[in-house]
Protein backbone atom coordinates (compact mmCIF):
# COMPACT_ATOMS: atom_id res chain seq x y z
CA MET A 1 -5.25 3.66 -28.24
CA PRO A 2 -2.91 0.89 -27.07
CA GLU A 3 -4.41 -1.66 -24.68
CA LEU A 4 -3.73 -0.86 -21.03
CA ARG A 5 -3.31 -3.32 -18.20
CA ALA A 6 -2.72 -2.79 -14.50
CA HIS A 7 0.92 -3.09 -13.40
CA HIS A 8 1.13 -1.85 -9.81
CA VAL A 9 -0.32 0.25 -7.03
CA GLY A 10 2.31 2.55 -5.51
CA LEU A 11 2.61 3.83 -1.96
CA THR A 12 5.25 6.35 -0.85
CA VAL A 13 6.73 5.53 2.55
CA SER A 14 9.33 7.10 4.84
CA ASP A 15 10.92 3.80 5.94
CA LEU A 16 11.06 1.15 3.21
CA ASP A 17 12.31 -1.67 5.45
CA ARG A 18 9.53 -1.06 8.01
CA ALA A 19 6.91 -0.95 5.24
CA VAL A 20 8.21 -4.14 3.60
CA ASP A 21 8.14 -5.92 6.97
CA PHE A 22 4.55 -4.76 7.57
CA TYR A 23 3.19 -5.86 4.17
CA ARG A 24 5.12 -9.15 4.27
CA ASP A 25 4.16 -10.02 7.85
CA THR A 26 0.57 -8.70 7.89
CA PHE A 27 -0.58 -9.68 4.40
CA ASP A 28 1.93 -12.43 3.53
CA LEU A 29 3.00 -10.58 0.36
CA ALA A 30 6.24 -11.86 -1.14
CA VAL A 31 8.95 -9.40 -2.15
CA VAL A 32 9.60 -9.98 -5.84
CA ASP A 33 12.07 -7.15 -6.48
CA ARG A 34 14.06 -4.44 -4.71
CA PHE A 35 15.94 -1.75 -6.59
CA SER A 36 17.07 1.88 -6.56
CA VAL A 37 16.57 4.56 -9.21
CA GLU A 38 18.41 7.87 -9.58
CA GLY A 39 19.55 10.29 -12.23
CA GLU A 40 18.24 13.29 -14.13
CA ALA A 41 15.64 11.34 -16.15
CA PHE A 42 14.10 9.93 -12.97
CA ALA A 43 14.12 13.31 -11.19
CA THR A 44 12.53 14.96 -14.23
CA GLY A 45 10.01 12.15 -14.63
CA VAL A 46 8.75 12.40 -11.04
CA GLY A 47 9.07 16.19 -10.92
CA VAL A 48 11.36 16.28 -7.86
CA GLU A 49 14.72 17.98 -8.28
CA GLY A 50 17.61 15.65 -7.41
CA ALA A 51 15.28 12.76 -6.58
CA SER A 52 16.42 9.22 -6.07
CA ALA A 53 14.38 6.41 -4.58
CA ASP A 54 14.53 2.88 -3.23
CA PHE A 55 11.74 0.56 -4.35
CA ALA A 56 10.26 -2.75 -3.29
CA HIS A 57 7.74 -4.66 -5.39
CA LEU A 58 5.53 -7.17 -3.60
CA ASP A 59 3.30 -9.79 -5.20
CA ALA A 60 -0.38 -9.36 -4.35
CA GLY A 61 -1.76 -12.28 -6.34
CA GLY A 62 -0.94 -11.05 -9.83
CA ALA A 63 -0.83 -7.33 -9.10
CA ARG A 64 2.18 -5.60 -7.61
CA VAL A 65 2.30 -3.35 -4.60
CA GLU A 66 5.13 -0.85 -5.11
CA LEU A 67 6.60 0.70 -1.98
CA VAL A 68 8.84 3.73 -2.59
CA GLU A 69 11.15 5.63 -0.25
CA TYR A 70 12.28 8.93 -1.81
CA ASP A 71 15.38 11.02 -1.20
CA PRO A 72 14.81 13.89 -0.77
CA GLU A 73 11.73 13.11 1.26
CA GLY A 74 8.89 15.56 0.78
CA ALA A 75 6.55 16.90 3.41
CA ALA A 76 4.17 14.36 4.90
CA VAL A 77 0.65 14.35 3.51
CA GLU A 78 -1.91 14.99 6.20
CA SER A 79 -3.54 11.62 6.76
CA GLY A 80 -7.27 11.71 6.52
CA ASP A 81 -10.46 9.83 6.30
CA VAL A 82 -11.23 7.63 3.33
CA ASN A 83 -13.99 10.03 2.19
CA ARG A 84 -11.61 12.98 1.59
CA PRO A 85 -11.06 13.78 -2.10
CA GLY A 86 -7.62 12.60 -3.14
CA THR A 87 -7.42 9.91 -0.47
CA ALA A 88 -6.15 6.63 -1.88
CA HIS A 89 -6.23 3.11 -0.54
CA LEU A 90 -4.94 -0.30 -1.50
CA GLY A 91 -7.53 -3.08 -1.81
CA LEU A 92 -6.65 -6.70 -1.04
CA ALA A 93 -9.05 -9.68 -1.06
CA VAL A 94 -9.08 -12.68 1.26
CA ASP A 95 -11.26 -15.80 1.37
CA ASP A 96 -12.12 -15.49 5.08
CA LEU A 97 -12.05 -11.95 6.47
CA ASP A 98 -12.97 -12.94 10.01
CA ALA A 99 -10.05 -15.39 10.16
CA PHE A 100 -7.74 -12.73 8.71
CA TYR A 101 -8.94 -10.21 11.33
CA GLU A 102 -8.36 -12.68 14.16
CA SER A 103 -4.82 -13.34 12.88
CA LEU A 104 -3.79 -9.66 13.00
CA SER A 105 -1.11 -8.62 15.46
CA ASP A 106 -2.29 -6.33 18.28
CA GLU A 107 -0.02 -3.62 16.82
CA VAL A 108 -2.03 -3.44 13.57
CA GLU A 109 -4.51 -0.54 13.70
CA THR A 110 -7.95 -1.08 12.16
CA THR A 111 -10.85 1.35 11.80
CA SER A 112 -13.33 -1.23 13.15
CA PRO A 113 -13.94 -4.97 13.24
CA PRO A 114 -15.06 -6.45 9.89
CA GLN A 115 -18.35 -5.01 8.64
CA ARG A 116 -20.83 -6.44 6.10
CA THR A 117 -22.04 -3.69 3.76
CA ALA A 118 -25.47 -3.44 2.13
CA SER A 119 -23.91 -4.81 -1.08
CA GLY A 120 -22.99 -8.02 0.77
CA THR A 121 -19.26 -7.36 0.85
CA GLU A 122 -17.44 -7.79 4.15
CA ILE A 123 -14.78 -5.08 4.61
CA LEU A 124 -12.02 -4.14 7.03
CA PHE A 125 -9.74 -1.10 6.84
CA VAL A 126 -6.20 -1.41 8.19
CA HIS A 127 -3.65 1.41 8.60
CA ASP A 128 -0.06 0.65 7.61
CA PRO A 129 2.82 2.19 9.62
CA GLU A 130 2.70 5.29 7.37
CA GLY A 131 -1.05 5.78 7.89
CA ASN A 132 -1.93 4.51 4.39
CA LEU A 133 -5.31 2.80 4.22
CA VAL A 134 -5.53 -0.83 3.17
CA GLU A 135 -8.99 -2.24 2.54
CA VAL A 136 -9.19 -5.98 3.09
CA LEU A 137 -12.37 -7.47 1.72
CA GLU A 138 -14.22 -10.71 1.33
CA ALA A 139 -16.50 -10.33 -1.67
């Protein structure tokens, strides 16, 4: 089998500009690429008839966060708790979670203040404007 390596973590959003602003402003992720994709091969590849999409790739310290706004937009996925099967989240690490938490804008929704788990990891879950979960951790 060919060697695999991580390329990106993708999140589907309804408003690409709003999502880019959130990830840039909240997590200081730099936009490294913006592009659009359309055509039959793309629609067939993603399994959505007539699909086209606008993309933004952001640098998360060597991994990319891919934000995608599709046309046509599908039905919203019911947001849920992190323990529901099929729920996904993005994980980002910081050196000082308490300082990161204190720097958050009042508009940024979190599930709780930072918590230290039994494994010794300090965690914080943030909701992006789409309701996607972002785990910020200090290992």
